[in-house]
PDB file of N, CA and C in Angstrom:
ATOM      1  N   MET A   1      -2.463  -3.092   3.216  1.00  0.00           N
ATOM      2  CA  MET A   1      -2.387  -3.565   4.569  1.00  0.00           C
ATOM      3  C   MET A   1      -2.843  -2.439   5.478  1.00  0.00           C
ATOM      4  N   ASP A   2      -3.713  -2.780   6.381  1.00  0.00           N
ATOM      5  CA  ASP A   2      -4.239  -1.815   7.351  1.00  0.00           C
ATOM      6  C   ASP A   2      -4.489  -2.573   8.646  1.00  0.00           C
ATOM      7  N   ASP A   3      -4.217  -1.928   9.773  1.00  0.00           N
ATOM      8  CA  ASP A   3      -4.407  -2.617  11.046  1.00  0.00           C
ATOM      9  C   ASP A   3      -5.858  -2.577  11.516  1.00  0.00           C
ATOM     10  N   GLU A   4      -6.738  -1.889  10.798  1.00  0.00           N
ATOM     11  CA  GLU A   4      -8.156  -1.837  11.149  1.00  0.00           C
ATOM     12  C   GLU A   4      -8.917  -2.842  10.287  1.00  0.00           C
ATOM     13  N   SER A   5      -9.570  -3.799  10.945  1.00  0.00           N
ATOM     14  CA  SER A   5     -10.275  -4.865  10.238  1.00  0.00           C
ATOM     15  C   SER A   5     -11.327  -4.345   9.251  1.00  0.00           C
ATOM     16  N   PRO A   6     -12.171  -3.354   9.610  1.00  0.00           N
ATOM     17  CA  PRO A   6     -13.162  -2.872   8.637  1.00  0.00           C
ATOM     18  C   PRO A   6     -12.517  -2.294   7.373  1.00  0.00           C
ATOM     19  N   MET A   7     -11.389  -1.622   7.516  1.00  0.00           N
ATOM     20  CA  MET A   7     -10.706  -1.064   6.351  1.00  0.00           C
ATOM     21  C   MET A   7     -10.150  -2.197   5.483  1.00  0.00           C
ATOM     22  N   ARG A   8      -9.565  -3.220   6.094  1.00  0.00           N
ATOM     23  CA  ARG A   8      -9.051  -4.363   5.315  1.00  0.00           C
ATOM     24  C   ARG A   8     -10.188  -5.038   4.559  1.00  0.00           C
ATOM     25  N   THR A   9     -11.329  -5.180   5.211  1.00  0.00           N
ATOM     26  CA  THR A   9     -12.490  -5.802   4.570  1.00  0.00           C
ATOM     27  C   THR A   9     -12.943  -4.974   3.369  1.00  0.00           C
ATOM     28  N   MET A  10     -13.028  -3.670   3.531  1.00  0.00           N
ATOM     29  CA  MET A  10     -13.445  -2.796   2.437  1.00  0.00           C
ATOM     30  C   MET A  10     -12.452  -2.872   1.283  1.00  0.00           C
ATOM     31  N   LEU A  11     -11.162  -2.815   1.593  1.00  0.00           N
ATOM     32  CA  LEU A  11     -10.145  -2.883   0.540  1.00  0.00           C
ATOM     33  C   LEU A  11     -10.242  -4.211  -0.216  1.00  0.00           C
ATOM     34  N   ARG A  12     -10.383  -5.298   0.517  1.00  0.00           N
ATOM     35  CA  ARG A  12     -10.517  -6.625  -0.130  1.00  0.00           C
ATOM     36  C   ARG A  12     -11.709  -6.648  -1.068  1.00  0.00           C
ATOM     37  N   ARG A  13     -12.850  -6.177  -0.601  1.00  0.00           N
ATOM     38  CA  ARG A  13     -14.071  -6.213  -1.426  1.00  0.00           C
ATOM     39  C   ARG A  13     -13.912  -5.395  -2.697  1.00  0.00           C
ATOM     40  N   VAL A  14     -13.453  -4.175  -2.555  1.00  0.00           N
ATOM     41  CA  VAL A  14     -13.298  -3.299  -3.720  1.00  0.00           C
ATOM     42  C   VAL A  14     -12.330  -3.918  -4.725  1.00  0.00           C
ATOM     43  N   LEU A  15     -11.219  -4.422  -4.248  1.00  0.00           N
ATOM     44  CA  LEU A  15     -10.206  -4.958  -5.153  1.00  0.00           C
ATOM     45  C   LEU A  15     -10.662  -6.275  -5.793  1.00  0.00           C
ATOM     46  N   ARG A  16     -11.341  -7.104  -5.053  1.00  0.00           N
ATOM     47  CA  ARG A  16     -11.848  -8.360  -5.641  1.00  0.00           C
ATOM     48  C   ARG A  16     -12.911  -8.077  -6.693  1.00  0.00           C
ATOM     49  N   LEU A  17     -13.778  -7.094  -6.435  1.00  0.00           N
ATOM     50  CA  LEU A  17     -14.777  -6.720  -7.434  1.00  0.00           C
ATOM     51  C   LEU A  17     -14.125  -6.191  -8.709  1.00  0.00           C
ATOM     52  N   ALA A  18     -12.938  -5.648  -8.586  1.00  0.00           N
ATOM     53  CA  ALA A  18     -12.192  -5.149  -9.744  1.00  0.00           C
ATOM     54  C   ALA A  18     -11.289  -6.239 -10.334  1.00  0.00           C
ATOM     55  N   ASP A  19     -11.480  -7.482  -9.891  1.00  0.00           N
ATOM     56  CA  ASP A  19     -10.749  -8.651 -10.399  1.00  0.00           C
ATOM     57  C   ASP A  19      -9.267  -8.687 -10.026  1.00  0.00           C
ATOM     58  N   TYR A  20      -8.918  -8.088  -8.897  1.00  0.00           N
ATOM     59  CA  TYR A  20      -7.557  -8.219  -8.376  1.00  0.00           C
ATOM     60  C   TYR A  20      -7.523  -9.410  -7.412  1.00  0.00           C
ATOM     61  N   ARG A  21      -6.412 -10.124  -7.418  1.00  0.00           N
ATOM     62  CA  ARG A  21      -6.182 -11.113  -6.355  1.00  0.00           C
ATOM     63  C   ARG A  21      -5.684 -10.345  -5.151  1.00  0.00           C
ATOM     64  N   VAL A  22      -6.205 -10.667  -3.978  1.00  0.00           N
ATOM     65  CA  VAL A  22      -5.943  -9.850  -2.794  1.00  0.00           C
ATOM     66  C   VAL A  22      -5.493 -10.710  -1.624  1.00  0.00           C
ATOM     67  N   ALA A  23      -4.485 -10.229  -0.934  1.00  0.00           N
ATOM     68  CA  ALA A  23      -4.082 -10.773   0.362  1.00  0.00           C
ATOM     69  C   ALA A  23      -4.018  -9.581   1.309  1.00  0.00           C
ATOM     70  N   ALA A  24      -4.647  -9.702   2.456  1.00  0.00           N
ATOM     71  CA  ALA A  24      -4.685  -8.597   3.415  1.00  0.00           C
ATOM     72  C   ALA A  24      -3.970  -9.009   4.695  1.00  0.00           C
ATOM     73  N   PHE A  25      -3.282  -8.046   5.282  1.00  0.00           N
ATOM     74  CA  PHE A  25      -2.485  -8.302   6.474  1.00  0.00           C
ATOM     75  C   PHE A  25      -2.760  -7.226   7.510  1.00  0.00           C
ATOM     76  N   ALA A  26      -2.725  -7.616   8.778  1.00  0.00           N
ATOM     77  CA  ALA A  26      -3.001  -6.687   9.874  1.00  0.00           C
ATOM     78  C   ALA A  26      -1.755  -5.959  10.355  1.00  0.00           C
ATOM     79  N   SER A  27      -0.570  -6.420   9.932  1.00  0.00           N
ATOM     80  CA  SER A  27       0.659  -5.784  10.418  1.00  0.00           C
ATOM     81  C   SER A  27       1.730  -5.792   9.332  1.00  0.00           C
ATOM     82  N   GLY A  28       2.663  -4.886   9.485  1.00  0.00           N
ATOM     83  CA  GLY A  28       3.787  -4.837   8.568  1.00  0.00           C
ATOM     84  C   GLY A  28       4.644  -6.078   8.637  1.00  0.00           C
ATOM     85  N   GLU A  29       4.816  -6.591   9.833  1.00  0.00           N
ATOM     86  CA  GLU A  29       5.628  -7.789  10.022  1.00  0.00           C
ATOM     87  C   GLU A  29       5.018  -8.987   9.289  1.00  0.00           C
ATOM     88  N   GLU A  30       3.704  -9.120   9.398  1.00  0.00           N
ATOM     89  CA  GLU A  30       2.991 -10.215   8.735  1.00  0.00           C
ATOM     90  C   GLU A  30       3.134 -10.093   7.206  1.00  0.00           C
ATOM     91  N   PHE A  31       2.984  -8.889   6.696  1.00  0.00           N
ATOM     92  CA  PHE A  31       3.132  -8.659   5.257  1.00  0.00           C
ATOM     93  C   PHE A  31       4.544  -8.990   4.794  1.00  0.00           C
ATOM     94  N   LEU A  32       5.548  -8.490   5.501  1.00  0.00           N
ATOM     95  CA  LEU A  32       6.943  -8.746   5.111  1.00  0.00           C
ATOM     96  C   LEU A  32       7.256 -10.235   5.123  1.00  0.00           C
ATOM     97  N   ALA A  33       6.739 -10.956   6.092  1.00  0.00           N
ATOM     98  CA  ALA A  33       6.970 -12.402   6.157  1.00  0.00           C
ATOM     99  C   ALA A  33       6.368 -13.110   4.948  1.00  0.00           C
ATOM    100  N   SER A  34       5.267 -12.587   4.415  1.00  0.00           N
ATOM    101  CA  SER A  34       4.609 -13.217   3.268  1.00  0.00           C
ATOM    102  C   SER A  34       5.407 -13.075   1.978  1.00  0.00           C
ATOM    103  N   LEU A  35       6.319 -12.117   1.920  1.00  0.00           N
ATOM    104  CA  LEU A  35       7.051 -11.851   0.682  1.00  0.00           C
ATOM    105  C   LEU A  35       7.981 -12.982   0.283  1.00  0.00           C
ATOM    106  N   SER A  36       8.322 -13.854   1.223  1.00  0.00           N
ATOM    107  CA  SER A  36       9.193 -14.978   0.879  1.00  0.00           C
ATOM    108  C   SER A  36       8.463 -16.017   0.032  1.00  0.00           C
ATOM    109  N   SER A  37       7.131 -16.000   0.068  1.00  0.00           N
ATOM    110  CA  SER A  37       6.385 -16.994  -0.709  1.00  0.00           C
ATOM    111  C   SER A  37       5.644 -16.405  -1.907  1.00  0.00           C
ATOM    112  N   GLN A  38       5.359 -15.112  -1.888  1.00  0.00           N
ATOM    113  CA  GLN A  38       4.626 -14.512  -2.998  1.00  0.00           C
ATOM    114  C   GLN A  38       4.835 -13.001  -3.007  1.00  0.00           C
ATOM    115  N   LEU A  39       5.173 -12.461  -4.183  1.00  0.00           N
ATOM    116  CA  LEU A  39       5.345 -11.022  -4.328  1.00  0.00           C
ATOM    117  C   LEU A  39       4.098 -10.402  -4.945  1.00  0.00           C
ATOM    118  N   PRO A  40       3.576  -9.366  -4.320  1.00  0.00           N
ATOM    119  CA  PRO A  40       2.411  -8.707  -4.900  1.00  0.00           C
ATOM    120  C   PRO A  40       2.820  -7.793  -6.060  1.00  0.00           C
ATOM    121  N   THR A  41       1.853  -7.478  -6.891  1.00  0.00           N
ATOM    122  CA  THR A  41       2.071  -6.534  -7.985  1.00  0.00           C
ATOM    123  C   THR A  41       2.118  -5.113  -7.452  1.00  0.00           C
ATOM    124  N   CYS A  42       1.382  -4.877  -6.357  1.00  0.00           N
ATOM    125  CA  CYS A  42       1.300  -3.560  -5.732  1.00  0.00           C
ATOM    126  C   CYS A  42       0.989  -3.760  -4.254  1.00  0.00           C
ATOM    127  N   ALA A  43       1.498  -2.877  -3.418  1.00  0.00           N
ATOM    128  CA  ALA A  43       1.200  -2.935  -1.981  1.00  0.00           C
ATOM    129  C   ALA A  43       0.465  -1.663  -1.572  1.00  0.00           C
ATOM    130  N   ILE A  44      -0.574  -1.835  -0.784  1.00  0.00           N
ATOM    131  CA  ILE A  44      -1.291  -0.717  -0.183  1.00  0.00           C
ATOM    132  C   ILE A  44      -0.914  -0.723   1.289  1.00  0.00           C
ATOM    133  N   LEU A  45      -0.222   0.324   1.714  1.00  0.00           N
ATOM    134  CA  LEU A  45       0.311   0.370   3.073  1.00  0.00           C
ATOM    135  C   LEU A  45      -0.248   1.551   3.846  1.00  0.00           C
ATOM    136  N   ASP A  46      -0.841   1.275   4.989  1.00  0.00           N
ATOM    137  CA  ASP A  46      -1.268   2.351   5.877  1.00  0.00           C
ATOM    138  C   ASP A  46      -0.007   2.942   6.511  1.00  0.00           C
ATOM    139  N   ILE A  47       0.090   4.235   6.508  1.00  0.00           N
ATOM    140  CA  ILE A  47       1.274   4.885   7.076  1.00  0.00           C
ATOM    141  C   ILE A  47       1.363   4.634   8.579  1.00  0.00           C
ATOM    142  N   HIS A  48       0.233   4.698   9.267  1.00  0.00           N
ATOM    143  CA  HIS A  48       0.231   4.599  10.727  1.00  0.00           C
ATOM    144  C   HIS A  48      -0.263   3.238  11.187  1.00  0.00           C
ATOM    145  N   LEU A  49       0.561   2.242  11.041  1.00  0.00           N
ATOM    146  CA  LEU A  49       0.266   0.906  11.543  1.00  0.00           C
ATOM    147  C   LEU A  49       0.825   0.773  12.947  1.00  0.00           C
ATOM    148  N   SER A  50       0.246  -0.126  13.728  1.00  0.00           N
ATOM    149  CA  SER A  50       0.896  -0.442  14.995  1.00  0.00           C
ATOM    150  C   SER A  50       2.093  -1.324  14.654  1.00  0.00           C
ATOM    151  N   GLY A  51       3.141  -1.218  15.394  1.00  0.00           N
ATOM    152  CA  GLY A  51       4.374  -1.929  15.030  1.00  0.00           C
ATOM    153  C   GLY A  51       5.101  -1.128  13.963  1.00  0.00           C
ATOM    154  N   LEU A  52       5.470  -1.788  12.879  1.00  0.00           N
ATOM    155  CA  LEU A  52       6.155  -1.095  11.788  1.00  0.00           C
ATOM    156  C   LEU A  52       5.189  -0.165  11.061  1.00  0.00           C
ATOM    157  N   SER A  53       5.632   1.051  10.769  1.00  0.00           N
ATOM    158  CA  SER A  53       4.799   1.964   9.983  1.00  0.00           C
ATOM    159  C   SER A  53       4.870   1.561   8.511  1.00  0.00           C
ATOM    160  N   GLY A  54       3.965   2.100   7.727  1.00  0.00           N
ATOM    161  CA  GLY A  54       4.008   1.847   6.288  1.00  0.00           C
ATOM    162  C   GLY A  54       5.334   2.271   5.682  1.00  0.00           C
ATOM    163  N   PHE A  55       5.879   3.396   6.152  1.00  0.00           N
ATOM    164  CA  PHE A  55       7.192   3.852   5.652  1.00  0.00           C
ATOM    165  C   PHE A  55       8.287   2.851   5.999  1.00  0.00           C
ATOM    166  N   GLU A  56       8.237   2.305   7.216  1.00  0.00           N
ATOM    167  CA  GLU A  56       9.240   1.318   7.622  1.00  0.00           C
ATOM    168  C   GLU A  56       9.113   0.026   6.809  1.00  0.00           C
ATOM    169  N   VAL A  57       7.885  -0.372   6.517  1.00  0.00           N
ATOM    170  CA  VAL A  57       7.675  -1.563   5.690  1.00  0.00           C
ATOM    171  C   VAL A  57       8.277  -1.346   4.310  1.00  0.00           C
ATOM    172  N   GLN A  58       8.020  -0.182   3.719  1.00  0.00           N
ATOM    173  CA  GLN A  58       8.574   0.086   2.395  1.00  0.00           C
ATOM    174  C   GLN A  58      10.111   0.106   2.439  1.00  0.00           C
ATOM    175  N   MET A  59      10.675   0.701   3.476  1.00  0.00           N
ATOM    176  CA  MET A  59      12.127   0.736   3.608  1.00  0.00           C
ATOM    177  C   MET A  59      12.703  -0.678   3.687  1.00  0.00           C
ATOM    178  N   ARG A  60      12.060  -1.544   4.453  1.00  0.00           N
ATOM    179  CA  ARG A  60      12.538  -2.925   4.569  1.00  0.00           C
ATOM    180  C   ARG A  60      12.390  -3.684   3.253  1.00  0.00           C
ATOM    181  N   MET A  61      11.335  -3.382   2.503  1.00  0.00           N
ATOM    182  CA  MET A  61      11.198  -4.019   1.190  1.00  0.00           C
ATOM    183  C   MET A  61      12.363  -3.613   0.289  1.00  0.00           C
ATOM    184  N   ARG A  62      12.687  -2.333   0.307  1.00  0.00           N
ATOM    185  CA  ARG A  62      13.819  -1.860  -0.503  1.00  0.00           C
ATOM    186  C   ARG A  62      15.124  -2.517  -0.074  1.00  0.00           C
ATOM    187  N   GLU A  63      15.347  -2.582   1.241  1.00  0.00           N
ATOM    188  CA  GLU A  63      16.577  -3.193   1.753  1.00  0.00           C
ATOM    189  C   GLU A  63      16.686  -4.656   1.337  1.00  0.00           C
ATOM    190  N   ALA A  64      15.545  -5.335   1.196  1.00  0.00           N
ATOM    191  CA  ALA A  64      15.527  -6.741   0.774  1.00  0.00           C
ATOM    192  C   ALA A  64      15.474  -6.866  -0.748  1.00  0.00           C
ATOM    193  N   ASN A  65      15.560  -5.734  -1.433  1.00  0.00           N
ATOM    194  CA  ASN A  65      15.568  -5.689  -2.894  1.00  0.00           C
ATOM    195  C   ASN A  65      14.239  -6.124  -3.513  1.00  0.00           C
ATOM    196  N   PHE A  66      13.129  -5.843  -2.823  1.00  0.00           N
ATOM    197  CA  PHE A  66      11.792  -6.059  -3.368  1.00  0.00           C
ATOM    198  C   PHE A  66      11.315  -4.725  -3.921  1.00  0.00           C
ATOM    199  N   HIS A  67      11.180  -4.640  -5.218  1.00  0.00           N
ATOM    200  CA  HIS A  67      10.746  -3.394  -5.861  1.00  0.00           C
ATOM    201  C   HIS A  67       9.265  -3.505  -6.212  1.00  0.00           C
ATOM    202  N   ILE A  68       8.443  -3.229  -5.232  1.00  0.00           N
ATOM    203  CA  ILE A  68       6.992  -3.351  -5.344  1.00  0.00           C
ATOM    204  C   ILE A  68       6.401  -1.940  -5.277  1.00  0.00           C
ATOM    205  N   PRO A  69       5.591  -1.552  -6.265  1.00  0.00           N
ATOM    206  CA  PRO A  69       4.955  -0.231  -6.182  1.00  0.00           C
ATOM    207  C   PRO A  69       4.076  -0.135  -4.942  1.00  0.00           C
ATOM    208  N   VAL A  70       4.072   1.039  -4.326  1.00  0.00           N
ATOM    209  CA  VAL A  70       3.341   1.249  -3.072  1.00  0.00           C
ATOM    210  C   VAL A  70       2.358   2.400  -3.210  1.00  0.00           C
ATOM    211  N   VAL A  71       1.146   2.157  -2.738  1.00  0.00           N
ATOM    212  CA  VAL A  71       0.157   3.205  -2.533  1.00  0.00           C
ATOM    213  C   VAL A  71      -0.007   3.325  -1.020  1.00  0.00           C
ATOM    214  N   PHE A  72       0.333   4.486  -0.490  1.00  0.00           N
ATOM    215  CA  PHE A  72       0.153   4.717   0.939  1.00  0.00           C
ATOM    216  C   PHE A  72      -1.252   5.228   1.200  1.00  0.00           C
ATOM    217  N   ILE A  73      -1.814   4.840   2.344  1.00  0.00           N
ATOM    218  CA  ILE A  73      -3.091   5.381   2.794  1.00  0.00           C
ATOM    219  C   ILE A  73      -2.908   5.903   4.213  1.00  0.00           C
ATOM    220  N   THR A  74      -3.708   6.897   4.571  1.00  0.00           N
ATOM    221  CA  THR A  74      -3.629   7.462   5.917  1.00  0.00           C
ATOM    222  C   THR A  74      -4.922   8.177   6.267  1.00  0.00           C
ATOM    223  N   ALA A  75      -5.222   8.208   7.550  1.00  0.00           N
ATOM    224  CA  ALA A  75      -6.348   8.995   8.054  1.00  0.00           C
ATOM    225  C   ALA A  75      -5.875  10.379   8.492  1.00  0.00           C
ATOM    226  N   SER A  76      -4.583  10.592   8.485  1.00  0.00           N
ATOM    227  CA  SER A  76      -4.003  11.861   8.935  1.00  0.00           C
ATOM    228  C   SER A  76      -4.122  12.927   7.850  1.00  0.00           C
ATOM    229  N   ASP A  77      -4.334  14.155   8.287  1.00  0.00           N
ATOM    230  CA  ASP A  77      -4.320  15.259   7.330  1.00  0.00           C
ATOM    231  C   ASP A  77      -3.030  16.077   7.443  1.00  0.00           C
ATOM    232  N   ASP A  78      -2.017  15.493   8.046  1.00  0.00           N
ATOM    233  CA  ASP A  78      -0.704  16.121   8.170  1.00  0.00           C
ATOM    234  C   ASP A  78      -0.108  16.296   6.768  1.00  0.00           C
ATOM    235  N   LEU A  79       0.078  17.534   6.357  1.00  0.00           N
ATOM    236  CA  LEU A  79       0.576  17.815   5.012  1.00  0.00           C
ATOM    237  C   LEU A  79       1.990  17.297   4.783  1.00  0.00           C
ATOM    238  N   ALA A  80       2.769  17.174   5.842  1.00  0.00           N
ATOM    239  CA  ALA A  80       4.144  16.679   5.704  1.00  0.00           C
ATOM    240  C   ALA A  80       4.175  15.236   5.212  1.00  0.00           C
ATOM    241  N   LEU A  81       3.109  14.477   5.453  1.00  0.00           N
ATOM    242  CA  LEU A  81       3.079  13.083   5.005  1.00  0.00           C
ATOM    243  C   LEU A  81       3.109  12.977   3.486  1.00  0.00           C
ATOM    244  N   GLY A  82       2.522  13.951   2.816  1.00  0.00           N
ATOM    245  CA  GLY A  82       2.564  13.954   1.351  1.00  0.00           C
ATOM    246  C   GLY A  82       3.986  14.039   0.848  1.00  0.00           C
ATOM    247  N   ARG A  83       4.787  14.902   1.438  1.00  0.00           N
ATOM    248  CA  ARG A  83       6.196  15.042   1.063  1.00  0.00           C
ATOM    249  C   ARG A  83       6.958  13.771   1.419  1.00  0.00           C
ATOM    250  N   MET A  84       6.678  13.216   2.585  1.00  0.00           N
ATOM    251  CA  MET A  84       7.366  11.987   3.000  1.00  0.00           C
ATOM    252  C   MET A  84       7.043  10.834   2.048  1.00  0.00           C
ATOM    253  N   ALA A  85       5.784  10.755   1.611  1.00  0.00           N
ATOM    254  CA  ALA A  85       5.395   9.697   0.669  1.00  0.00           C
ATOM    255  C   ALA A  85       6.126   9.864  -0.660  1.00  0.00           C
ATOM    256  N   LEU A  86       6.227  11.103  -1.126  1.00  0.00           N
ATOM    257  CA  LEU A  86       6.972  11.359  -2.365  1.00  0.00           C
ATOM    258  C   LEU A  86       8.441  10.996  -2.199  1.00  0.00           C
ATOM    259  N   ASP A  87       9.014  11.382  -1.077  1.00  0.00           N
ATOM    260  CA  ASP A  87      10.419  11.072  -0.809  1.00  0.00           C
ATOM    261  C   ASP A  87      10.651   9.564  -0.716  1.00  0.00           C
ATOM    262  N   ALA A  88       9.619   8.834  -0.288  1.00  0.00           N
ATOM    263  CA  ALA A  88       9.718   7.376  -0.175  1.00  0.00           C
ATOM    264  C   ALA A  88       9.426   6.699  -1.515  1.00  0.00           C
ATOM    265  N   ASP A  89       9.212   7.496  -2.558  1.00  0.00           N
ATOM    266  CA  ASP A  89       8.962   6.993  -3.905  1.00  0.00           C
ATOM    267  C   ASP A  89       7.646   6.235  -4.013  1.00  0.00           C
ATOM    268  N   ALA A  90       6.639   6.689  -3.269  1.00  0.00           N
ATOM    269  CA  ALA A  90       5.315   6.070  -3.353  1.00  0.00           C
ATOM    270  C   ALA A  90       4.661   6.437  -4.671  1.00  0.00           C
ATOM    271  N   SER A  91       3.826   5.557  -5.163  1.00  0.00           N
ATOM    272  CA  SER A  91       3.067   5.849  -6.369  1.00  0.00           C
ATOM    273  C   SER A  91       1.992   6.888  -6.084  1.00  0.00           C
ATOM    274  N   ARG A  92       1.429   6.822  -4.871  1.00  0.00           N
ATOM    275  CA  ARG A  92       0.340   7.723  -4.521  1.00  0.00           C
ATOM    276  C   ARG A  92       0.111   7.697  -3.022  1.00  0.00           C
ATOM    277  N   LEU A  93      -0.437   8.769  -2.478  1.00  0.00           N
ATOM    278  CA  LEU A  93      -0.893   8.836  -1.089  1.00  0.00           C
ATOM    279  C   LEU A  93      -2.372   9.163  -1.123  1.00  0.00           C
ATOM    280  N   LEU A  94      -3.174   8.290  -0.540  1.00  0.00           N
ATOM    281  CA  LEU A  94      -4.617   8.517  -0.428  1.00  0.00           C
ATOM    282  C   LEU A  94      -4.961   8.813   1.019  1.00  0.00           C
ATOM    283  N   ARG A  95      -5.780   9.824   1.200  1.00  0.00           N
ATOM    284  CA  ARG A  95      -6.227  10.180   2.548  1.00  0.00           C
ATOM    285  C   ARG A  95      -7.642   9.642   2.759  1.00  0.00           C
ATOM    286  N   LYS A  96      -7.818   8.956   3.904  1.00  0.00           N
ATOM    287  CA  LYS A  96      -9.125   8.407   4.251  1.00  0.00           C
ATOM    288  C   LYS A  96     -10.065   9.540   4.634  1.00  0.00           C
ATOM    289  N   PRO A  97     -11.303   9.482   4.273  1.00  0.00           N
ATOM    290  CA  PRO A  97     -11.912   8.458   3.427  1.00  0.00           C
ATOM    291  C   PRO A  97     -11.629   8.749   1.955  1.00  0.00           C
ATOM    292  N   PHE A  98     -11.389   7.707   1.201  1.00  0.00           N
ATOM    293  CA  PHE A  98     -11.200   7.841  -0.245  1.00  0.00           C
ATOM    294  C   PHE A  98     -12.220   6.947  -0.932  1.00  0.00           C
ATOM    295  N   SER A  99     -12.500   7.267  -2.171  1.00  0.00           N
ATOM    296  CA  SER A  99     -13.507   6.496  -2.899  1.00  0.00           C
ATOM    297  C   SER A  99     -12.880   5.255  -3.533  1.00  0.00           C
ATOM    298  N   SER A 100     -13.726   4.331  -3.907  1.00  0.00           N
ATOM    299  CA  SER A 100     -13.267   3.135  -4.620  1.00  0.00           C
ATOM    300  C   SER A 100     -12.578   3.535  -5.917  1.00  0.00           C
ATOM    301  N   ASP A 101     -13.139   4.526  -6.591  1.00  0.00           N
ATOM    302  CA  ASP A 101     -12.542   4.987  -7.850  1.00  0.00           C
ATOM    303  C   ASP A 101     -11.144   5.553  -7.639  1.00  0.00           C
ATOM    304  N   GLU A 102     -10.964   6.319  -6.559  1.00  0.00           N
ATOM    305  CA  GLU A 102      -9.633   6.865  -6.258  1.00  0.00           C
ATOM    306  C   GLU A 102      -8.640   5.740  -5.979  1.00  0.00           C
ATOM    307  N   LEU A 103      -9.073   4.737  -5.230  1.00  0.00           N
ATOM    308  CA  LEU A 103      -8.214   3.599  -4.913  1.00  0.00           C
ATOM    309  C   LEU A 103      -7.812   2.861  -6.180  1.00  0.00           C
ATOM    310  N   LEU A 104      -8.778   2.549  -7.022  1.00  0.00           N
ATOM    311  CA  LEU A 104      -8.491   1.801  -8.244  1.00  0.00           C
ATOM    312  C   LEU A 104      -7.614   2.604  -9.203  1.00  0.00           C
ATOM    313  N   ALA A 105      -7.824   3.919  -9.268  1.00  0.00           N
ATOM    314  CA  ALA A 105      -6.980   4.758 -10.113  1.00  0.00           C
ATOM    315  C   ALA A 105      -5.538   4.773  -9.594  1.00  0.00           C
ATOM    316  N   ALA A 106      -5.387   4.855  -8.280  1.00  0.00           N
ATOM    317  CA  ALA A 106      -4.041   4.866  -7.689  1.00  0.00           C
ATOM    318  C   ALA A 106      -3.314   3.553  -7.968  1.00  0.00           C
ATOM    319  N   ILE A 107      -4.022   2.441  -7.828  1.00  0.00           N
ATOM    320  CA  ILE A 107      -3.410   1.138  -8.101  1.00  0.00           C
ATOM    321  C   ILE A 107      -3.069   1.014  -9.584  1.00  0.00           C
ATOM    322  N   GLY A 108      -3.976   1.473 -10.431  1.00  0.00           N
ATOM    323  CA  GLY A 108      -3.703   1.446 -11.873  1.00  0.00           C
ATOM    324  C   GLY A 108      -2.458   2.234 -12.230  1.00  0.00           C
ATOM    325  N   MET A 109      -2.285   3.406 -11.612  1.00  0.00           N
ATOM    326  CA  MET A 109      -1.085   4.213 -11.848  1.00  0.00           C
ATOM    327  C   MET A 109       0.153   3.486 -11.345  1.00  0.00           C
ATOM    328  N   ALA A 110       0.060   2.885 -10.176  1.00  0.00           N
ATOM    329  CA  ALA A 110       1.215   2.199  -9.583  1.00  0.00           C
ATOM    330  C   ALA A 110       1.625   1.004 -10.431  1.00  0.00           C
ATOM    331  N   VAL A 111       0.666   0.214 -10.829  1.00  0.00           N
ATOM    332  CA  VAL A 111       0.959  -0.980 -11.629  1.00  0.00           C
ATOM    333  C   VAL A 111       1.410  -0.579 -13.028  1.00  0.00           C
ATOM    334  N   GLY A 112       0.806   0.462 -13.565  1.00  0.00           N
ATOM    335  CA  GLY A 112       1.188   0.959 -14.886  1.00  0.00           C
ATOM    336  C   GLY A 112       2.601   1.491 -14.926  1.00  0.00           C
ATOM    337  N   SER A 113       3.009   2.178 -13.849  1.00  0.00           N
ATOM    338  CA  SER A 113       4.371   2.725 -13.816  1.00  0.00           C
ATOM    339  C   SER A 113       5.388   1.606 -13.695  1.00  0.00           C
ATOM    340  N   LYS A 114       5.033   0.525 -13.020  1.00  0.00           N
ATOM    341  CA  LYS A 114       5.946  -0.619 -12.929  1.00  0.00           C
ATOM    342  C   LYS A 114       6.077  -1.316 -14.283  1.00  0.00           C
ATOM    343  N   ALA A 115       4.915  -1.469 -14.957  1.00  0.00           N
ATOM    344  CA  ALA A 115       4.927  -2.135 -16.257  1.00  0.00           C
ATOM    345  C   ALA A 115       5.690  -1.307 -17.287  1.00  0.00           C
ATOM    346  N   GLY A 116       5.677   0.026 -17.101  1.00  0.00           N
ATOM    347  CA  GLY A 116       6.375   0.899 -18.031  1.00  0.00           C
ATOM    348  C   GLY A 116       7.863   0.968 -17.783  1.00  0.00           C
ATOM    349  N   GLY A 117       8.342   0.298 -16.753  1.00  0.00           N
ATOM    350  CA  GLY A 117       9.768   0.250 -16.494  1.00  0.00           C
ATOM    351  C   GLY A 117      10.314   1.379 -15.667  1.00  0.00           C
ATOM    352  N   THR A 118       9.428   2.148 -15.037  1.00  0.00           N
ATOM    353  CA  THR A 118       9.912   3.243 -14.193  1.00  0.00           C
ATOM    354  C   THR A 118       9.900   2.865 -12.747  1.00  0.00           C
TER     355      THR A 118
END
């Protein structure tokens, strides 16, 4: 989920080409509302969304007992975000711009860790 339309479009294309089913959302609120009808295998959350931040979305998922692996993305080079992502139990933090290969590897790690029971 990213609040920038070009980024959502790029993420959708890359993931669909890799044979993932994709749903993209412009806001944390929209994504959280969708969880009542379908749970994703992995969530890609931009840390700096308008409205709820990616960290707040993940916190609300936990509070609702949704255990979905998360890959955070950000355009910020603030080093503290890496620690915050680890503390939030993220599978990975990717800094924009990132390559398609980096994105797919991060998702593979996130989905793999869930399948492994961790």
